[in-house]
N, C-alpha and C. Protein backbone atom coordinates (compact mmCIF):
# COMPACT_ATOMS: atom_id res chain seq x y z
N MET A 1 -3.84 22.05 1.69
CA MET A 1 -2.94 21.31 2.59
C MET A 1 -2.04 20.44 1.78
N SER A 2 -0.69 20.51 2.02
CA SER A 2 0.20 19.72 1.30
C SER A 2 0.07 18.21 1.68
N GLU A 3 0.51 17.29 0.76
CA GLU A 3 0.46 15.90 1.03
C GLU A 3 1.35 15.47 2.13
N ASN A 4 2.34 16.25 2.51
CA ASN A 4 3.26 15.91 3.63
C ASN A 4 2.75 16.42 4.97
N ASN A 5 1.73 17.25 4.92
CA ASN A 5 1.16 17.79 6.18
C ASN A 5 0.66 16.68 7.03
N PRO A 6 1.12 16.54 8.35
CA PRO A 6 0.65 15.46 9.13
C PRO A 6 -0.87 15.45 9.45
N PHE A 7 -1.51 16.58 9.29
CA PHE A 7 -2.89 16.62 9.61
C PHE A 7 -3.79 16.41 8.40
N ARG A 8 -3.18 16.23 7.20
CA ARG A 8 -3.94 16.06 5.96
C ARG A 8 -4.90 14.87 6.05
N GLN A 9 -4.35 13.71 6.42
CA GLN A 9 -5.22 12.46 6.45
C GLN A 9 -6.36 12.65 7.38
N ARG A 10 -6.10 13.19 8.56
CA ARG A 10 -7.21 13.35 9.52
C ARG A 10 -8.27 14.39 8.97
N ALA A 11 -7.78 15.43 8.37
CA ALA A 11 -8.71 16.45 7.78
C ALA A 11 -9.52 15.85 6.70
N LEU A 12 -8.92 15.05 5.85
CA LEU A 12 -9.62 14.38 4.82
C LEU A 12 -10.74 13.40 5.32
N GLU A 13 -10.38 12.67 6.36
CA GLU A 13 -11.30 11.82 7.05
C GLU A 13 -12.53 12.52 7.53
N LEU A 14 -12.27 13.71 8.18
CA LEU A 14 -13.38 14.50 8.65
C LEU A 14 -14.26 15.12 7.54
N LEU A 15 -13.61 15.51 6.49
CA LEU A 15 -14.36 16.00 5.35
C LEU A 15 -15.17 14.90 4.72
N TYR A 16 -14.66 13.67 4.65
CA TYR A 16 -15.41 12.62 4.02
C TYR A 16 -16.62 12.21 4.91
N THR A 17 -16.40 12.31 6.19
CA THR A 17 -17.55 12.08 7.14
C THR A 17 -18.61 13.14 6.94
N LEU A 18 -18.18 14.36 6.78
CA LEU A 18 -19.11 15.50 6.56
C LEU A 18 -19.83 15.24 5.24
N GLN A 19 -19.09 14.80 4.18
CA GLN A 19 -19.71 14.62 2.90
C GLN A 19 -20.74 13.51 3.00
N LYS A 20 -20.43 12.42 3.64
CA LYS A 20 -21.42 11.33 3.75
C LYS A 20 -22.67 11.77 4.49
N GLY A 21 -22.40 12.56 5.53
CA GLY A 21 -23.54 13.11 6.30
C GLY A 21 -24.42 13.97 5.46
N LEU A 22 -23.87 14.81 4.65
CA LEU A 22 -24.61 15.70 3.82
C LEU A 22 -25.39 14.95 2.74
N GLN A 23 -24.74 13.89 2.19
CA GLN A 23 -25.40 13.10 1.16
C GLN A 23 -26.55 12.35 1.69
N SER A 24 -26.59 11.96 2.94
CA SER A 24 -27.65 11.23 3.56
C SER A 24 -28.90 12.08 3.79
N LYS A 25 -28.71 13.37 3.70
CA LYS A 25 -29.90 14.30 4.04
C LYS A 25 -30.88 14.18 2.86
N GLN A 26 -32.13 14.36 3.13
CA GLN A 26 -33.14 14.35 2.09
C GLN A 26 -33.14 15.61 1.26
N ASP A 27 -33.16 16.73 2.00
CA ASP A 27 -33.17 18.02 1.30
C ASP A 27 -31.77 18.58 1.38
N ILE A 28 -31.07 18.60 0.33
CA ILE A 28 -29.68 19.08 0.28
C ILE A 28 -29.66 20.59 -0.21
N GLU A 29 -29.06 21.47 0.61
CA GLU A 29 -29.01 22.78 0.25
C GLU A 29 -28.10 22.98 -0.90
N PRO A 30 -28.23 24.03 -1.75
CA PRO A 30 -27.35 24.18 -2.93
C PRO A 30 -25.84 24.30 -2.43
N GLU A 31 -25.58 24.95 -1.31
CA GLU A 31 -24.13 25.09 -0.92
C GLU A 31 -23.59 23.77 -0.45
N ASP A 32 -24.47 22.96 0.21
CA ASP A 32 -24.03 21.66 0.66
C ASP A 32 -23.70 20.79 -0.57
N ARG A 33 -24.60 20.84 -1.62
CA ARG A 33 -24.44 20.12 -2.83
C ARG A 33 -23.08 20.49 -3.53
N GLU A 34 -22.76 21.78 -3.48
CA GLU A 34 -21.47 22.23 -4.06
C GLU A 34 -20.35 21.72 -3.29
N LEU A 35 -20.44 21.72 -1.94
CA LEU A 35 -19.37 21.18 -1.08
C LEU A 35 -19.17 19.66 -1.38
N ILE A 36 -20.26 18.94 -1.52
CA ILE A 36 -20.10 17.53 -1.87
C ILE A 36 -19.41 17.33 -3.16
N MET A 37 -19.74 18.16 -4.13
CA MET A 37 -19.11 18.01 -5.52
C MET A 37 -17.62 18.41 -5.40
N ARG A 38 -17.29 19.39 -4.56
CA ARG A 38 -15.87 19.71 -4.39
C ARG A 38 -14.98 18.67 -3.67
N LEU A 39 -15.67 18.03 -2.77
CA LEU A 39 -14.95 17.00 -1.95
C LEU A 39 -14.72 15.67 -2.67
N GLU A 40 -15.64 15.39 -3.66
CA GLU A 40 -15.59 14.11 -4.43
C GLU A 40 -14.23 13.92 -5.09
N PRO A 41 -13.64 14.91 -5.79
CA PRO A 41 -12.31 14.68 -6.37
C PRO A 41 -11.18 14.41 -5.38
N LEU A 42 -11.27 15.05 -4.22
CA LEU A 42 -10.32 14.79 -3.16
C LEU A 42 -10.39 13.38 -2.70
N TYR A 43 -11.65 12.86 -2.48
CA TYR A 43 -11.90 11.52 -2.09
C TYR A 43 -11.33 10.53 -3.12
N GLN A 44 -11.61 10.83 -4.37
CA GLN A 44 -11.22 9.92 -5.46
C GLN A 44 -9.65 9.87 -5.47
N GLN A 45 -8.99 11.00 -5.39
CA GLN A 45 -7.53 11.02 -5.41
C GLN A 45 -6.91 10.19 -4.26
N GLU A 46 -7.48 10.42 -3.06
CA GLU A 46 -6.91 9.69 -1.92
C GLU A 46 -7.19 8.19 -2.08
N LYS A 47 -8.36 7.83 -2.56
CA LYS A 47 -8.66 6.46 -2.80
C LYS A 47 -7.75 5.75 -3.81
N GLU A 48 -7.47 6.51 -4.91
CA GLU A 48 -6.53 6.03 -5.92
C GLU A 48 -5.10 5.90 -5.39
N LYS A 49 -4.76 6.82 -4.55
CA LYS A 49 -3.39 6.83 -3.95
C LYS A 49 -3.26 5.61 -3.10
N LEU A 50 -4.26 5.31 -2.25
CA LEU A 50 -4.22 4.16 -1.38
C LEU A 50 -4.17 2.87 -2.15
N VAL A 51 -4.95 2.79 -3.27
CA VAL A 51 -4.99 1.60 -4.07
C VAL A 51 -3.61 1.42 -4.66
N ARG A 52 -2.98 2.45 -5.19
CA ARG A 52 -1.64 2.36 -5.82
C ARG A 52 -0.65 1.89 -4.79
N GLU A 53 -0.67 2.43 -3.54
CA GLU A 53 0.29 2.10 -2.48
C GLU A 53 0.05 0.59 -2.11
N SER A 54 -1.18 0.15 -2.02
CA SER A 54 -1.50 -1.20 -1.67
C SER A 54 -0.99 -2.13 -2.74
N GLN A 55 -1.17 -1.80 -4.02
CA GLN A 55 -0.72 -2.59 -5.12
C GLN A 55 0.81 -2.68 -5.07
N LYS A 56 1.46 -1.61 -4.86
CA LYS A 56 2.97 -1.55 -4.88
C LYS A 56 3.42 -2.46 -3.72
N ARG A 57 2.79 -2.31 -2.53
CA ARG A 57 3.24 -3.13 -1.42
C ARG A 57 3.00 -4.59 -1.62
N GLY A 58 1.87 -4.92 -2.24
CA GLY A 58 1.56 -6.34 -2.59
C GLY A 58 2.57 -6.87 -3.56
N MET A 59 3.02 -6.13 -4.54
CA MET A 59 3.98 -6.62 -5.47
C MET A 59 5.35 -6.81 -4.78
N GLU A 60 5.65 -5.86 -3.88
CA GLU A 60 6.95 -6.05 -3.09
C GLU A 60 6.94 -7.35 -2.26
N ILE A 61 5.80 -7.56 -1.62
CA ILE A 61 5.71 -8.77 -0.78
C ILE A 61 5.80 -10.00 -1.69
N GLY A 62 5.14 -9.97 -2.86
CA GLY A 62 5.12 -11.08 -3.78
C GLY A 62 6.59 -11.33 -4.28
N GLU A 63 7.35 -10.32 -4.57
CA GLU A 63 8.69 -10.46 -4.98
C GLU A 63 9.57 -11.04 -3.91
N GLU A 64 9.36 -10.61 -2.64
CA GLU A 64 10.16 -11.12 -1.51
C GLU A 64 9.87 -12.66 -1.29
N LEU A 65 8.54 -12.98 -1.44
CA LEU A 65 8.22 -14.40 -1.26
C LEU A 65 8.78 -15.27 -2.34
N ALA A 66 8.75 -14.70 -3.62
CA ALA A 66 9.30 -15.46 -4.73
C ALA A 66 10.80 -15.55 -4.55
N GLN A 67 11.51 -14.59 -4.08
CA GLN A 67 12.96 -14.69 -3.89
C GLN A 67 13.27 -15.80 -2.84
N ARG A 68 12.49 -15.81 -1.80
CA ARG A 68 12.76 -16.81 -0.71
C ARG A 68 12.48 -18.14 -1.23
N GLU A 69 11.34 -18.34 -2.05
CA GLU A 69 11.00 -19.64 -2.55
C GLU A 69 12.12 -20.15 -3.55
N ILE A 70 12.60 -19.25 -4.36
CA ILE A 70 13.71 -19.61 -5.21
C ILE A 70 14.90 -20.02 -4.42
N ALA A 71 15.22 -19.22 -3.39
CA ALA A 71 16.36 -19.59 -2.49
C ALA A 71 16.20 -20.99 -1.89
N LYS A 72 15.01 -21.24 -1.43
CA LYS A 72 14.76 -22.57 -0.78
C LYS A 72 15.00 -23.65 -1.76
N ASN A 73 14.47 -23.50 -2.96
CA ASN A 73 14.63 -24.51 -4.02
C ASN A 73 16.11 -24.65 -4.37
N LEU A 74 16.84 -23.57 -4.41
CA LEU A 74 18.24 -23.66 -4.75
C LEU A 74 19.08 -24.36 -3.59
N LEU A 75 18.64 -24.07 -2.37
CA LEU A 75 19.26 -24.70 -1.22
C LEU A 75 19.12 -26.22 -1.32
N ASP A 76 17.93 -26.66 -1.80
CA ASP A 76 17.63 -28.08 -1.86
C ASP A 76 18.50 -28.74 -2.94
N THR A 77 18.99 -28.01 -3.86
CA THR A 77 19.87 -28.57 -4.94
C THR A 77 21.26 -28.64 -4.45
N GLY A 78 21.53 -28.06 -3.30
CA GLY A 78 22.95 -28.09 -2.76
C GLY A 78 23.82 -26.95 -3.22
N MET A 79 23.22 -25.96 -3.83
CA MET A 79 24.00 -24.81 -4.31
C MET A 79 24.49 -24.02 -3.05
N GLU A 80 25.71 -23.49 -3.22
CA GLU A 80 26.31 -22.68 -2.16
C GLU A 80 25.49 -21.41 -1.79
N ILE A 81 25.55 -21.10 -0.50
CA ILE A 81 24.73 -19.97 -0.03
C ILE A 81 25.12 -18.68 -0.73
N GLU A 82 26.50 -18.50 -0.99
CA GLU A 82 26.96 -17.27 -1.66
C GLU A 82 26.40 -17.19 -3.04
N GLN A 83 26.33 -18.29 -3.76
CA GLN A 83 25.81 -18.30 -5.12
C GLN A 83 24.34 -17.92 -5.07
N ILE A 84 23.58 -18.49 -4.22
CA ILE A 84 22.19 -18.22 -4.07
C ILE A 84 21.98 -16.81 -3.77
N ALA A 85 22.74 -16.15 -2.94
CA ALA A 85 22.67 -14.69 -2.63
C ALA A 85 22.84 -13.87 -3.92
N ARG A 86 23.78 -14.29 -4.76
CA ARG A 86 23.95 -13.54 -5.99
C ARG A 86 22.80 -13.72 -6.89
N VAL A 87 22.28 -14.85 -7.01
CA VAL A 87 21.14 -15.12 -7.90
C VAL A 87 19.83 -14.46 -7.45
N THR A 88 19.59 -14.55 -6.24
CA THR A 88 18.23 -14.09 -5.71
C THR A 88 18.29 -12.69 -5.18
N GLY A 89 19.49 -12.11 -4.86
CA GLY A 89 19.54 -10.75 -4.26
C GLY A 89 19.28 -10.72 -2.83
N LEU A 90 19.17 -11.88 -2.18
CA LEU A 90 18.95 -11.94 -0.75
C LEU A 90 20.32 -11.88 -0.07
N SER A 91 20.31 -11.46 1.16
CA SER A 91 21.57 -11.43 1.95
C SER A 91 21.89 -12.81 2.47
N LEU A 92 23.14 -12.99 2.80
CA LEU A 92 23.60 -14.28 3.33
C LEU A 92 22.80 -14.59 4.60
N GLU A 93 22.57 -13.57 5.41
CA GLU A 93 21.80 -13.77 6.67
C GLU A 93 20.40 -14.24 6.30
N GLU A 94 19.75 -13.65 5.32
CA GLU A 94 18.38 -14.07 4.94
C GLU A 94 18.38 -15.53 4.52
N ILE A 95 19.28 -15.85 3.73
CA ILE A 95 19.36 -17.29 3.28
C ILE A 95 19.63 -18.22 4.39
N THR A 96 20.60 -17.86 5.22
CA THR A 96 20.86 -18.69 6.43
C THR A 96 19.68 -18.96 7.32
N LYS A 97 18.75 -17.91 7.42
CA LYS A 97 17.52 -18.10 8.17
C LYS A 97 16.62 -19.08 7.50
N LEU A 98 16.62 -19.11 6.22
CA LEU A 98 15.78 -20.07 5.46
C LEU A 98 16.26 -21.50 5.71
N THR A 99 17.49 -21.70 5.90
CA THR A 99 18.00 -23.06 6.20
C THR A 99 17.51 -23.56 7.52
N LYS A 100 17.15 -22.67 8.44
CA LYS A 100 16.69 -23.03 9.75
C LYS A 100 15.22 -23.27 9.79
N ASN A 101 14.49 -22.94 8.78
CA ASN A 101 13.01 -23.11 8.78
C ASN A 101 12.59 -24.36 8.27
């Protein structure tokens, strides 16, 4: 199933549930053991993908917060909003909102 397939995530969730259920059994059949081994790399790939996405989003949020904090500090110095926009990369509208907070 391709990564863009809308059913991929749900299918993986069902497979992981099956994997956990099979692992909890006392006597695992050889074919069940093989299925568990085949599912493990899929699980690891998905887990790593989610971690990377979370880290990326966290960095984006951190950068946005840093830009706003810099803009607030520059506003306190009396710098013009247009100059602050050039320095921080924020829009004039975003900086204007900061003046109201």
